[in-house]
């Protein structure tokens, strides 16, 4: 089955402007099949997991967290996305830190002392950062929104062929069996009630 997904989303459980339900409604309206909530670890509200469980949607919903990890080049962000048994770790937005490819690889090396990196983002808030879409970074490259508000939703995403099972989706991402996609026209303004 062909699936469209977003694996980097922030909500009011950290520094986002939309609730979990508003995020699900927004991405559902944009034709997505799966989403991953990845609120910041250092800003996370205590009811985070309970709030995710109350979301009413047909989307496949992943719980996750954006970890803040210290490296020789400063703090970086890594999303930890939980399947049923599988875990996906994505090194997030090296462009936000203005890292060179060399610095990105060194930061990934530092992070890898504590956890395995499975993929690297090649976007910054949904916009392609081409310098990281290189074979020199030997990981699957993912496109994400890193959305914090409705205007950031639907700029970039991944598409893959998989069953509608969380672990199957994570395995496809780890194997690089997906395509990165980007909006070709500015997103329509959406109103959230």
Foldseek 3Di string as FASTA:
>chain_A
DKFWEAEAEEDPQFQFPHFLQLVQVLVVVVVGQEYEYAEEPVRGDPCVVVSNVPHDHNHHYWYWYWYWDQFPLGTFTWIWTDFPDDIAIEGEDPVVVPDQLVRVVRRQVRVVVPPHHQEYEQADQLHGNVRNVDVSPVHQYEGHRNHRYSQSPPFKIKMADFDSGRVRVRVCRSVNRIDIDGDPDRDDDDDDD
